[in-house]
Structure formats: structure tokens, C-alpha cells
Amino acid sequence: MKKTPEAALHLLGGMAERMDRAGRQLEYAPVLNLNGIEKDNLTLGDRIAKWVAQFAGSPAFLGLHAAAFLS
């Protein structure tokens, strides 16, 4: 490399070209939106269970239980 810096520049140019090509391929790669697919396939029971699970972990749920137990 010290004797022929042109060879080092040629190697660096080739590497940069490969990285650019790989980046362009990744930019347009098809990616599935798994959240959207999962949401589209939920049954009524799944949606109700999901809502109950979300509500059971909410501050409103904790407040309701605290008020019920304190009274």
C-alpha cells in the first residue's frame, strides 16, 4: 500500500461502491408491517381481551380499585 497508493485508492473506491449498492438495495427492500397484519387478523374476542389487558394496567383502573377498597 505504501509503494502503490493508487491501489489503496482503487480498493477504497470499490468498497465505497459496494456499500452504496448495498444501501440502495436495503432502502427498497420489502418490509412487512407485522403490527398491521396482527391487527387485521384479530377476532372480536382478541380485541376485547386486548382492551381488558390495556385497561387493567391503566392508572384509571388503579384509581377505581383504590376508591372501591377505601370506601
PDB file of N, CA and C in Angstrom:
ATOM      1  N   MET A   1       0.818  -1.191   0.000  1.00  0.00           N
ATOM      2  CA  MET A   1       0.000   0.000   0.000  1.00  0.00           C
ATOM      3  C   MET A   1       0.864   1.258   0.000  1.00  0.00           C
ATOM      4  N   LYS A   2       1.997   1.195   0.739  1.00  0.00           N
ATOM      5  CA  LYS A   2       2.859   2.369   0.784  1.00  0.00           C
ATOM      6  C   LYS A   2       3.517   2.608  -0.568  1.00  0.00           C
ATOM      7  N   LYS A   3       3.847   1.525  -1.267  1.00  0.00           N
ATOM      8  CA  LYS A   3       4.537   1.668  -2.546  1.00  0.00           C
ATOM      9  C   LYS A   3       3.581   2.100  -3.651  1.00  0.00           C
ATOM     10  N   THR A   4       2.317   1.654  -3.561  1.00  0.00           N
ATOM     11  CA  THR A   4       1.353   1.993  -4.614  1.00  0.00           C
ATOM     12  C   THR A   4       0.051   2.523  -3.983  1.00  0.00           C
ATOM     13  N   PRO A   5       0.025   3.796  -3.649  1.00  0.00           N
ATOM     14  CA  PRO A   5      -1.184   4.368  -3.054  1.00  0.00           C
ATOM     15  C   PRO A   5      -2.372   4.335  -4.022  1.00  0.00           C
ATOM     16  N   GLU A   6      -2.087   4.236  -5.317  1.00  0.00           N
ATOM     17  CA  GLU A   6      -3.175   4.149  -6.278  1.00  0.00           C
ATOM     18  C   GLU A   6      -3.992   2.870  -6.054  1.00  0.00           C
ATOM     19  N   ALA A   7      -3.315   1.789  -5.642  1.00  0.00           N
ATOM     20  CA  ALA A   7      -4.008   0.530  -5.379  1.00  0.00           C
ATOM     21  C   ALA A   7      -4.937   0.680  -4.182  1.00  0.00           C
ATOM     22  N   ALA A   8      -4.471   1.391  -3.137  1.00  0.00           N
ATOM     23  CA  ALA A   8      -5.307   1.618  -1.958  1.00  0.00           C
ATOM     24  C   ALA A   8      -6.529   2.443  -2.335  1.00  0.00           C
ATOM     25  N   LEU A   9      -6.346   3.456  -3.146  1.00  0.00           N
ATOM     26  CA  LEU A   9      -7.478   4.277  -3.586  1.00  0.00           C
ATOM     27  C   LEU A   9      -8.455   3.459  -4.420  1.00  0.00           C
ATOM     28  N   HIS A  10      -7.932   2.568  -5.252  1.00  0.00           N
ATOM     29  CA  HIS A  10      -8.784   1.702  -6.062  1.00  0.00           C
ATOM     30  C   HIS A  10      -9.610   0.775  -5.168  1.00  0.00           C
ATOM     31  N   LEU A  11      -8.977   0.195  -4.135  1.00  0.00           N
ATOM     32  CA  LEU A  11      -9.694  -0.673  -3.196  1.00  0.00           C
ATOM     33  C   LEU A  11     -10.775   0.104  -2.445  1.00  0.00           C
ATOM     34  N   LEU A  12     -10.428   1.298  -1.966  1.00  0.00           N
ATOM     35  CA  LEU A  12     -11.403   2.112  -1.246  1.00  0.00           C
ATOM     36  C   LEU A  12     -12.577   2.501  -2.143  1.00  0.00           C
ATOM     37  N   GLY A  13     -12.293   2.791  -3.393  1.00  0.00           N
ATOM     38  CA  GLY A  13     -13.360   3.114  -4.340  1.00  0.00           C
ATOM     39  C   GLY A  13     -14.298   1.940  -4.556  1.00  0.00           C
ATOM     40  N   GLY A  14     -13.717   0.738  -4.677  1.00  0.00           N
ATOM     41  CA  GLY A  14     -14.535  -0.468  -4.849  1.00  0.00           C
ATOM     42  C   GLY A  14     -15.391  -0.746  -3.623  1.00  0.00           C
ATOM     43  N   MET A  15     -14.817  -0.547  -2.440  1.00  0.00           N
ATOM     44  CA  MET A  15     -15.585  -0.762  -1.208  1.00  0.00           C
ATOM     45  C   MET A  15     -16.722   0.245  -1.087  1.00  0.00           C
ATOM     46  N   ALA A  16     -16.448   1.492  -1.425  1.00  0.00           N
ATOM     47  CA  ALA A  16     -17.487   2.513  -1.358  1.00  0.00           C
ATOM     48  C   ALA A  16     -18.614   2.211  -2.335  1.00  0.00           C
ATOM     49  N   GLU A  17     -18.262   1.719  -3.489  1.00  0.00           N
ATOM     50  CA  GLU A  17     -19.272   1.362  -4.494  1.00  0.00           C
ATOM     51  C   GLU A  17     -20.156   0.218  -4.002  1.00  0.00           C
ATOM     52  N   ARG A  18     -19.534  -0.793  -3.385  1.00  0.00           N
ATOM     53  CA  ARG A  18     -20.305  -1.916  -2.848  1.00  0.00           C
ATOM     54  C   ARG A  18     -21.231  -1.463  -1.717  1.00  0.00           C
ATOM     55  N   MET A  19     -20.730  -0.611  -0.834  1.00  0.00           N
ATOM     56  CA  MET A  19     -21.560  -0.119   0.269  1.00  0.00           C
ATOM     57  C   MET A  19     -22.736   0.696  -0.255  1.00  0.00           C
ATOM     58  N   ASP A  20     -22.496   1.500  -1.263  1.00  0.00           N
ATOM     59  CA  ASP A  20     -23.567   2.297  -1.859  1.00  0.00           C
ATOM     60  C   ASP A  20     -24.626   1.392  -2.475  1.00  0.00           C
ATOM     61  N   ARG A  21     -24.199   0.366  -3.185  1.00  0.00           N
ATOM     62  CA  ARG A  21     -25.136  -0.570  -3.814  1.00  0.00           C
ATOM     63  C   ARG A  21     -25.950  -1.314  -2.747  1.00  0.00           C
ATOM     64  N   ALA A  22     -25.283  -1.762  -1.679  1.00  0.00           N
ATOM     65  CA  ALA A  22     -25.983  -2.474  -0.609  1.00  0.00           C
ATOM     66  C   ALA A  22     -26.994  -1.550   0.072  1.00  0.00           C
ATOM     67  N   GLY A  23     -26.628  -0.289   0.271  1.00  0.00           N
ATOM     68  CA  GLY A  23     -27.543   0.660   0.893  1.00  0.00           C
ATOM     69  C   GLY A  23     -28.777   0.893   0.046  1.00  0.00           C
ATOM     70  N   ARG A  24     -28.593   0.987  -1.259  1.00  0.00           N
ATOM     71  CA  ARG A  24     -29.751   1.177  -2.150  1.00  0.00           C
ATOM     72  C   ARG A  24     -30.652  -0.053  -2.151  1.00  0.00           C
ATOM     73  N   GLN A  25     -30.066  -1.240  -2.069  1.00  0.00           N
ATOM     74  CA  GLN A  25     -30.876  -2.457  -2.026  1.00  0.00           C
ATOM     75  C   GLN A  25     -31.690  -2.518  -0.739  1.00  0.00           C
ATOM     76  N   LEU A  26     -31.108  -2.138   0.380  1.00  0.00           N
ATOM     77  CA  LEU A  26     -31.828  -2.157   1.652  1.00  0.00           C
ATOM     78  C   LEU A  26     -32.919  -1.094   1.702  1.00  0.00           C
ATOM     79  N   GLU A  27     -32.685   0.014   1.036  1.00  0.00           N
ATOM     80  CA  GLU A  27     -33.655   1.108   1.043  1.00  0.00           C
ATOM     81  C   GLU A  27     -34.978   0.687   0.423  1.00  0.00           C
ATOM     82  N   TYR A  28     -34.940  -0.148  -0.566  1.00  0.00           N
ATOM     83  CA  TYR A  28     -36.155  -0.542  -1.274  1.00  0.00           C
ATOM     84  C   TYR A  28     -36.578  -1.985  -0.987  1.00  0.00           C
ATOM     85  N   ALA A  29     -35.993  -2.595   0.050  1.00  0.00           N
ATOM     86  CA  ALA A  29     -36.370  -3.968   0.394  1.00  0.00           C
ATOM     87  C   ALA A  29     -37.785  -3.979   0.967  1.00  0.00           C
ATOM     88  N   PRO A  30     -38.597  -4.952   0.559  1.00  0.00           N
ATOM     89  CA  PRO A  30     -39.959  -5.006   1.099  1.00  0.00           C
ATOM     90  C   PRO A  30     -39.930  -5.412   2.570  1.00  0.00           C
ATOM     91  N   VAL A  31     -40.622  -4.645   3.390  1.00  0.00           N
ATOM     92  CA  VAL A  31     -40.691  -4.913   4.820  1.00  0.00           C
ATOM     93  C   VAL A  31     -42.156  -5.041   5.203  1.00  0.00           C
ATOM     94  N   LEU A  32     -42.483  -6.108   5.888  1.00  0.00           N
ATOM     95  CA  LEU A  32     -43.860  -6.321   6.314  1.00  0.00           C
ATOM     96  C   LEU A  32     -44.139  -5.538   7.586  1.00  0.00           C
ATOM     97  N   ASN A  33     -45.296  -4.935   7.657  1.00  0.00           N
ATOM     98  CA  ASN A  33     -45.744  -4.265   8.870  1.00  0.00           C
ATOM     99  C   ASN A  33     -46.492  -5.304   9.697  1.00  0.00           C
ATOM    100  N   LEU A  34     -45.779  -5.965  10.591  1.00  0.00           N
ATOM    101  CA  LEU A  34     -46.365  -7.056  11.356  1.00  0.00           C
ATOM    102  C   LEU A  34     -47.445  -6.566  12.308  1.00  0.00           C
ATOM    103  N   ASN A  35     -47.326  -5.335  12.800  1.00  0.00           N
ATOM    104  CA  ASN A  35     -48.372  -4.801  13.674  1.00  0.00           C
ATOM    105  C   ASN A  35     -49.685  -4.654  12.919  1.00  0.00           C
ATOM    106  N   GLY A  36     -49.622  -4.185  11.703  1.00  0.00           N
ATOM    107  CA  GLY A  36     -50.834  -4.041  10.899  1.00  0.00           C
ATOM    108  C   GLY A  36     -51.447  -5.379  10.547  1.00  0.00           C
ATOM    109  N   ILE A  37     -50.613  -6.351  10.229  1.00  0.00           N
ATOM    110  CA  ILE A  37     -51.110  -7.684   9.900  1.00  0.00           C
ATOM    111  C   ILE A  37     -51.778  -8.310  11.113  1.00  0.00           C
ATOM    112  N   GLU A  38     -51.147  -8.162  12.277  1.00  0.00           N
ATOM    113  CA  GLU A  38     -51.702  -8.725  13.508  1.00  0.00           C
ATOM    114  C   GLU A  38     -53.026  -8.056  13.847  1.00  0.00           C
ATOM    115  N   LYS A  39     -53.083  -6.745  13.674  1.00  0.00           N
ATOM    116  CA  LYS A  39     -54.298  -6.005  13.994  1.00  0.00           C
ATOM    117  C   LYS A  39     -55.446  -6.404  13.062  1.00  0.00           C
ATOM    118  N   ASP A  40     -55.154  -6.651  11.814  1.00  0.00           N
ATOM    119  CA  ASP A  40     -56.183  -7.039  10.845  1.00  0.00           C
ATOM    120  C   ASP A  40     -56.745  -8.429  11.121  1.00  0.00           C
ATOM    121  N   ASN A  41     -55.961  -9.293  11.761  1.00  0.00           N
ATOM    122  CA  ASN A  41     -56.379 -10.676  11.977  1.00  0.00           C
ATOM    123  C   ASN A  41     -56.994 -10.924  13.349  1.00  0.00           C
ATOM    124  N   LEU A  42     -57.230  -9.882  14.144  1.00  0.00           N
ATOM    125  CA  LEU A  42     -57.805 -10.070  15.477  1.00  0.00           C
ATOM    126  C   LEU A  42     -59.290 -10.399  15.389  1.00  0.00           C
ATOM    127  N   THR A  43     -59.699 -11.365  16.191  1.00  0.00           N
ATOM    128  CA  THR A  43     -61.122 -11.673  16.288  1.00  0.00           C
ATOM    129  C   THR A  43     -61.742 -10.738  17.319  1.00  0.00           C
ATOM    130  N   LEU A  44     -63.061 -10.785  17.455  1.00  0.00           N
ATOM    131  CA  LEU A  44     -63.747  -9.954  18.444  1.00  0.00           C
ATOM    132  C   LEU A  44     -63.249 -10.285  19.847  1.00  0.00           C
ATOM    133  N   GLY A  45     -63.093 -11.552  20.136  1.00  0.00           N
ATOM    134  CA  GLY A  45     -62.583 -11.967  21.447  1.00  0.00           C
ATOM    135  C   GLY A  45     -61.183 -11.456  21.705  1.00  0.00           C
ATOM    136  N   ASP A  46     -60.342 -11.488  20.678  1.00  0.00           N
ATOM    137  CA  ASP A  46     -58.972 -10.977  20.811  1.00  0.00           C
ATOM    138  C   ASP A  46     -58.983  -9.481  21.107  1.00  0.00           C
ATOM    139  N   ARG A  47     -59.852  -8.748  20.406  1.00  0.00           N
ATOM    140  CA  ARG A  47     -59.922  -7.293  20.631  1.00  0.00           C
ATOM    141  C   ARG A  47     -60.414  -6.963  22.030  1.00  0.00           C
ATOM    142  N   ILE A  48     -61.407  -7.721  22.514  1.00  0.00           N
ATOM    143  CA  ILE A  48     -61.913  -7.493  23.876  1.00  0.00           C
ATOM    144  C   ILE A  48     -60.818  -7.813  24.901  1.00  0.00           C
ATOM    145  N   ALA A  49     -60.129  -8.921  24.713  1.00  0.00           N
ATOM    146  CA  ALA A  49     -59.053  -9.307  25.632  1.00  0.00           C
ATOM    147  C   ALA A  49     -57.936  -8.258  25.631  1.00  0.00           C
ATOM    148  N   LYS A  50     -57.630  -7.729  24.474  1.00  0.00           N
ATOM    149  CA  LYS A  50     -56.590  -6.706  24.380  1.00  0.00           C
ATOM    150  C   LYS A  50     -57.014  -5.435  25.119  1.00  0.00           C
ATOM    151  N   TRP A  51     -58.292  -5.049  24.958  1.00  0.00           N
ATOM    152  CA  TRP A  51     -58.790  -3.856  25.649  1.00  0.00           C
ATOM    153  C   TRP A  51     -58.771  -4.062  27.162  1.00  0.00           C
ATOM    154  N   VAL A  52     -59.196  -5.227  27.632  1.00  0.00           N
ATOM    155  CA  VAL A  52     -59.207  -5.515  29.071  1.00  0.00           C
ATOM    156  C   VAL A  52     -57.781  -5.469  29.623  1.00  0.00           C
ATOM    157  N   ALA A  53     -56.842  -6.050  28.909  1.00  0.00           N
ATOM    158  CA  ALA A  53     -55.449  -6.044  29.359  1.00  0.00           C
ATOM    159  C   ALA A  53     -54.893  -4.629  29.417  1.00  0.00           C
ATOM    160  N   GLN A  54     -55.222  -3.810  28.423  1.00  0.00           N
ATOM    161  CA  GLN A  54     -54.743  -2.427  28.435  1.00  0.00           C
ATOM    162  C   GLN A  54     -55.380  -1.644  29.574  1.00  0.00           C
ATOM    163  N   PHE A  55     -56.680  -1.836  29.799  1.00  0.00           N
ATOM    164  CA  PHE A  55     -57.374  -1.105  30.859  1.00  0.00           C
ATOM    165  C   PHE A  55     -56.899  -1.550  32.234  1.00  0.00           C
ATOM    166  N   ALA A  56     -56.628  -2.851  32.398  1.00  0.00           N
ATOM    167  CA  ALA A  56     -56.205  -3.367  33.701  1.00  0.00           C
ATOM    168  C   ALA A  56     -54.849  -2.809  34.124  1.00  0.00           C
ATOM    169  N   GLY A  57     -54.062  -2.335  33.204  1.00  0.00           N
ATOM    170  CA  GLY A  57     -52.768  -1.756  33.544  1.00  0.00           C
ATOM    171  C   GLY A  57     -52.778  -0.244  33.551  1.00  0.00           C
ATOM    172  N   SER A  58     -53.941   0.358  33.448  1.00  0.00           N
ATOM    173  CA  SER A  58     -54.005   1.817  33.341  1.00  0.00           C
ATOM    174  C   SER A  58     -54.160   2.477  34.717  1.00  0.00           C
ATOM    175  N   PRO A  59     -53.795   3.742  34.828  1.00  0.00           N
ATOM    176  CA  PRO A  59     -53.997   4.476  36.080  1.00  0.00           C
ATOM    177  C   PRO A  59     -55.480   4.595  36.455  1.00  0.00           C
ATOM    178  N   ALA A  60     -56.363   4.658  35.474  1.00  0.00           N
ATOM    179  CA  ALA A  60     -57.797   4.743  35.767  1.00  0.00           C
ATOM    180  C   ALA A  60     -58.262   3.485  36.491  1.00  0.00           C
ATOM    181  N   PHE A  61     -57.799   2.338  36.070  1.00  0.00           N
ATOM    182  CA  PHE A  61     -58.151   1.070  36.713  1.00  0.00           C
ATOM    183  C   PHE A  61     -57.655   1.047  38.158  1.00  0.00           C
ATOM    184  N   LEU A  62     -56.428   1.491  38.370  1.00  0.00           N
ATOM    185  CA  LEU A  62     -55.878   1.519  39.724  1.00  0.00           C
ATOM    186  C   LEU A  62     -56.650   2.492  40.600  1.00  0.00           C
ATOM    187  N   GLY A  63     -57.022   3.637  40.038  1.00  0.00           N
ATOM    188  CA  GLY A  63     -57.804   4.615  40.805  1.00  0.00           C
ATOM    189  C   GLY A  63     -59.173   4.074  41.181  1.00  0.00           C
ATOM    190  N   LEU A  64     -59.825   3.404  40.255  1.00  0.00           N
ATOM    191  CA  LEU A  64     -61.139   2.818  40.541  1.00  0.00           C
ATOM    192  C   LEU A  64     -61.037   1.774  41.654  1.00  0.00           C
ATOM    193  N   HIS A  65     -60.016   0.948  41.609  1.00  0.00           N
ATOM    194  CA  HIS A  65     -59.843  -0.068  42.641  1.00  0.00           C
ATOM    195  C   HIS A  65     -59.484   0.561  43.982  1.00  0.00           C
ATOM    196  N   ALA A  66     -58.658   1.573  43.970  1.00  0.00           N
ATOM    197  CA  ALA A  66     -58.316   2.245  45.230  1.00  0.00           C
ATOM    198  C   ALA A  66     -59.563   2.868  45.844  1.00  0.00           C
ATOM    199  N   ALA A  67     -60.378   3.522  45.025  1.00  0.00           N
ATOM    200  CA  ALA A  67     -61.605   4.136  45.537  1.00  0.00           C
ATOM    201  C   ALA A  67     -62.566   3.072  46.064  1.00  0.00           C
ATOM    202  N   ALA A  68     -62.656   1.939  45.381  1.00  0.00           N
ATOM    203  CA  ALA A  68     -63.566   0.866  45.820  1.00  0.00           C
ATOM    204  C   ALA A  68     -63.095   0.243  47.121  1.00  0.00           C
ATOM    205  N   PHE A  69     -61.811   0.066  47.304  1.00  0.00           N
ATOM    206  CA  PHE A  69     -61.295  -0.572  48.515  1.00  0.00           C
ATOM    207  C   PHE A  69     -61.264   0.396  49.690  1.00  0.00           C
ATOM    208  N   LEU A  70     -61.136   1.691  49.441  1.00  0.00           N
ATOM    209  CA  LEU A  70     -61.100   2.667  50.532  1.00  0.00           C
ATOM    210  C   LEU A  70     -62.501   2.993  51.050  1.00  0.00           C
ATOM    211  N   SER A  71     -63.514   2.750  50.253  1.00  0.00           N
ATOM    212  CA  SER A  71     -64.867   3.097  50.713  1.00  0.00           C
ATOM    213  C   SER A  71     -65.540   1.981  51.463  1.00  0.00           C
TER     214      SER A  71
END
